[in-house]
């Protein structure tokens, strides 16, 4: 097994073992940082507001619908 596959499997297992709140928080934080970086690169207005709004929205949606839940 390649190191990339091994790393992916370990990360996937770690993410699946997070609680609902932890998973939603991590998804929200990740999207906030991503929007901040893209906004800084392209120089938009109100980037901070957009990033925080996107992060909160993603966190709430992921918490409500729990995509990490195994059936």
N, C-alpha and C. Protein backbone atom coordinates (compact mmCIF):
# COMPACT_ATOMS: atom_id res chain seq x y z
N UNK A 1 0.86 -1.18 0.00
CA UNK A 1 0.00 0.00 0.00
C UNK A 1 0.91 1.24 0.00
N UNK A 2 0.60 2.19 -0.84
CA UNK A 2 1.42 3.39 -0.92
C UNK A 2 1.20 4.28 0.30
N UNK A 3 2.16 5.14 0.54
CA UNK A 3 2.06 6.04 1.69
C UNK A 3 0.88 7.00 1.55
N UNK A 4 0.57 7.38 0.32
CA UNK A 4 -0.57 8.26 0.10
C UNK A 4 -1.88 7.57 0.47
N UNK A 5 -2.02 6.32 0.06
CA UNK A 5 -3.23 5.56 0.40
C UNK A 5 -3.33 5.34 1.90
N UNK A 6 -2.21 5.05 2.52
CA UNK A 6 -2.18 4.85 3.97
C UNK A 6 -2.60 6.12 4.70
N UNK A 7 -2.05 7.25 4.27
CA UNK A 7 -2.38 8.53 4.89
C UNK A 7 -3.86 8.84 4.71
N UNK A 8 -4.38 8.58 3.51
CA UNK A 8 -5.80 8.82 3.24
C UNK A 8 -6.67 7.97 4.15
N UNK A 9 -6.35 6.70 4.29
CA UNK A 9 -7.15 5.80 5.13
C UNK A 9 -7.10 6.22 6.60
N UNK A 10 -5.94 6.63 7.07
CA UNK A 10 -5.83 7.08 8.46
C UNK A 10 -6.65 8.34 8.70
N UNK A 11 -6.56 9.28 7.76
CA UNK A 11 -7.32 10.53 7.88
C UNK A 11 -8.82 10.25 7.80
N UNK A 12 -9.22 9.38 6.89
CA UNK A 12 -10.63 9.02 6.75
C UNK A 12 -11.16 8.37 8.02
N UNK A 13 -10.39 7.46 8.59
CA UNK A 13 -10.81 6.80 9.83
C UNK A 13 -10.92 7.80 10.98
N UNK A 14 -9.95 8.70 11.06
CA UNK A 14 -9.97 9.72 12.12
C UNK A 14 -11.20 10.61 11.98
N UNK A 15 -11.50 11.03 10.74
CA UNK A 15 -12.66 11.90 10.51
C UNK A 15 -13.97 11.19 10.84
N UNK A 16 -14.06 9.92 10.51
CA UNK A 16 -15.29 9.16 10.78
C UNK A 16 -15.51 8.93 12.27
N UNK A 17 -14.45 8.99 13.05
CA UNK A 17 -14.58 8.78 14.49
C UNK A 17 -14.85 10.06 15.26
N UNK A 18 -14.91 11.19 14.58
CA UNK A 18 -15.23 12.45 15.26
C UNK A 18 -16.71 12.48 15.63
N UNK A 19 -17.01 13.20 16.71
CA UNK A 19 -18.41 13.36 17.08
C UNK A 19 -19.08 14.30 16.08
N UNK A 20 -20.38 14.38 16.17
CA UNK A 20 -21.16 15.23 15.26
C UNK A 20 -20.73 16.69 15.37
N UNK A 21 -20.54 17.18 16.59
CA UNK A 21 -20.15 18.58 16.80
C UNK A 21 -18.73 18.81 16.31
N UNK A 22 -17.82 17.88 16.59
CA UNK A 22 -16.44 18.03 16.15
C UNK A 22 -16.35 18.04 14.62
N UNK A 23 -17.08 17.15 13.98
CA UNK A 23 -17.06 17.07 12.52
C UNK A 23 -17.61 18.35 11.90
N UNK A 24 -18.73 18.83 12.41
CA UNK A 24 -19.34 20.06 11.89
C UNK A 24 -18.41 21.26 12.12
N UNK A 25 -17.79 21.32 13.29
CA UNK A 25 -16.87 22.42 13.59
C UNK A 25 -15.66 22.40 12.67
N UNK A 26 -15.10 21.22 12.46
CA UNK A 26 -13.94 21.10 11.57
C UNK A 26 -14.30 21.48 10.13
N UNK A 27 -15.46 21.05 9.67
CA UNK A 27 -15.90 21.40 8.31
C UNK A 27 -16.11 22.91 8.19
N UNK A 28 -16.72 23.52 9.21
CA UNK A 28 -16.93 24.97 9.19
C UNK A 28 -15.63 25.74 9.22
N UNK A 29 -14.69 25.29 10.05
CA UNK A 29 -13.39 25.95 10.14
C UNK A 29 -12.62 25.82 8.83
N UNK A 30 -12.66 24.64 8.25
CA UNK A 30 -11.97 24.41 6.98
C UNK A 30 -12.53 25.30 5.87
N UNK A 31 -13.85 25.40 5.80
CA UNK A 31 -14.44 26.24 4.75
C UNK A 31 -14.16 27.72 5.01
N UNK A 32 -14.14 28.13 6.28
CA UNK A 32 -13.81 29.53 6.60
C UNK A 32 -12.41 29.87 6.13
N UNK A 33 -11.45 29.02 6.44
CA UNK A 33 -10.06 29.26 6.05
C UNK A 33 -9.93 29.25 4.52
N UNK A 34 -10.61 28.32 3.86
CA UNK A 34 -10.53 28.25 2.40
C UNK A 34 -11.09 29.51 1.75
N UNK A 35 -12.22 30.00 2.24
CA UNK A 35 -12.82 31.22 1.67
C UNK A 35 -11.92 32.42 1.95
N UNK A 36 -11.32 32.48 3.13
CA UNK A 36 -10.39 33.58 3.43
C UNK A 36 -9.19 33.57 2.48
N UNK A 37 -8.63 32.40 2.23
CA UNK A 37 -7.48 32.30 1.33
C UNK A 37 -7.85 32.69 -0.09
N UNK A 38 -8.94 32.15 -0.60
CA UNK A 38 -9.37 32.48 -1.96
C UNK A 38 -9.73 33.95 -2.07
N UNK A 39 -10.41 34.49 -1.05
CA UNK A 39 -10.76 35.91 -1.06
C UNK A 39 -9.54 36.80 -1.04
N UNK A 40 -8.52 36.40 -0.29
CA UNK A 40 -7.28 37.18 -0.24
C UNK A 40 -6.56 37.13 -1.58
N UNK A 41 -6.60 35.99 -2.24
CA UNK A 41 -5.92 35.86 -3.53
C UNK A 41 -6.61 36.68 -4.62
N UNK A 42 -7.93 36.72 -4.60
CA UNK A 42 -8.66 37.42 -5.64
C UNK A 42 -9.09 38.82 -5.24
N UNK A 43 -8.84 39.21 -3.99
CA UNK A 43 -9.08 40.57 -3.54
C UNK A 43 -10.53 41.01 -3.58
N UNK A 44 -11.39 40.28 -2.93
CA UNK A 44 -12.79 40.67 -2.88
C UNK A 44 -13.09 41.59 -1.71
N UNK A 45 -14.28 42.15 -1.72
CA UNK A 45 -14.72 43.01 -0.62
C UNK A 45 -15.45 42.16 0.41
N UNK A 46 -15.37 42.55 1.65
CA UNK A 46 -16.05 41.87 2.76
C UNK A 46 -15.71 40.39 2.82
N UNK A 47 -14.47 40.06 2.57
CA UNK A 47 -14.05 38.66 2.55
C UNK A 47 -14.23 38.02 3.91
N UNK A 48 -13.94 38.75 4.97
CA UNK A 48 -14.07 38.19 6.31
C UNK A 48 -15.52 37.83 6.62
N UNK A 49 -16.43 38.71 6.26
CA UNK A 49 -17.85 38.45 6.50
C UNK A 49 -18.31 37.24 5.69
N UNK A 50 -17.89 37.17 4.44
CA UNK A 50 -18.26 36.04 3.59
C UNK A 50 -17.69 34.73 4.14
N UNK A 51 -16.45 34.77 4.61
CA UNK A 51 -15.81 33.56 5.12
C UNK A 51 -16.50 33.06 6.39
N UNK A 52 -16.79 33.98 7.30
CA UNK A 52 -17.45 33.58 8.55
C UNK A 52 -18.86 33.07 8.26
N UNK A 53 -19.57 33.74 7.37
CA UNK A 53 -20.92 33.30 7.01
C UNK A 53 -20.89 31.91 6.38
N UNK A 54 -19.96 31.67 5.48
CA UNK A 54 -19.83 30.36 4.85
C UNK A 54 -19.48 29.30 5.89
N UNK A 55 -18.56 29.61 6.78
CA UNK A 55 -18.17 28.65 7.81
C UNK A 55 -19.31 28.28 8.73
N UNK A 56 -20.07 29.28 9.17
CA UNK A 56 -21.21 29.01 10.04
C UNK A 56 -22.29 28.21 9.31
N UNK A 57 -22.53 28.55 8.06
CA UNK A 57 -23.54 27.83 7.29
C UNK A 57 -23.15 26.37 7.11
N UNK A 58 -21.91 26.13 6.73
CA UNK A 58 -21.44 24.75 6.55
C UNK A 58 -21.52 23.98 7.86
N UNK A 59 -21.11 24.61 8.96
CA UNK A 59 -21.15 23.93 10.26
C UNK A 59 -22.58 23.56 10.65
N UNK A 60 -23.52 24.48 10.45
CA UNK A 60 -24.91 24.20 10.81
C UNK A 60 -25.49 23.10 9.93
N UNK A 61 -25.26 23.18 8.63
CA UNK A 61 -25.79 22.16 7.71
C UNK A 61 -25.18 20.79 8.02
N UNK A 62 -23.88 20.74 8.25
CA UNK A 62 -23.24 19.46 8.57
C UNK A 62 -23.73 18.93 9.91
N UNK A 63 -24.00 19.80 10.86
CA UNK A 63 -24.52 19.34 12.15
C UNK A 63 -25.93 18.79 11.99
N UNK A 64 -26.78 19.50 11.25
CA UNK A 64 -28.17 19.08 11.10
C UNK A 64 -28.31 17.78 10.31
N UNK A 65 -27.57 17.65 9.23
CA UNK A 65 -27.73 16.49 8.35
C UNK A 65 -26.73 15.37 8.61
N UNK A 66 -25.71 15.63 9.41
CA UNK A 66 -24.74 14.63 9.85
C UNK A 66 -24.28 13.69 8.73
N UNK A 67 -23.50 14.21 7.77
CA UNK A 67 -23.06 13.36 6.66
C UNK A 67 -22.07 12.28 7.08
N UNK A 68 -21.55 12.39 8.28
CA UNK A 68 -20.58 11.42 8.78
C UNK A 68 -21.24 10.19 9.39
N UNK A 69 -22.56 10.21 9.49
CA UNK A 69 -23.29 9.11 10.12
C UNK A 69 -23.23 7.86 9.24
N UNK A 70 -22.94 6.75 9.88
CA UNK A 70 -22.89 5.49 9.15
C UNK A 70 -24.21 4.75 9.34
N UNK A 71 -24.70 4.20 8.27
CA UNK A 71 -26.00 3.52 8.32
C UNK A 71 -25.84 2.07 8.67
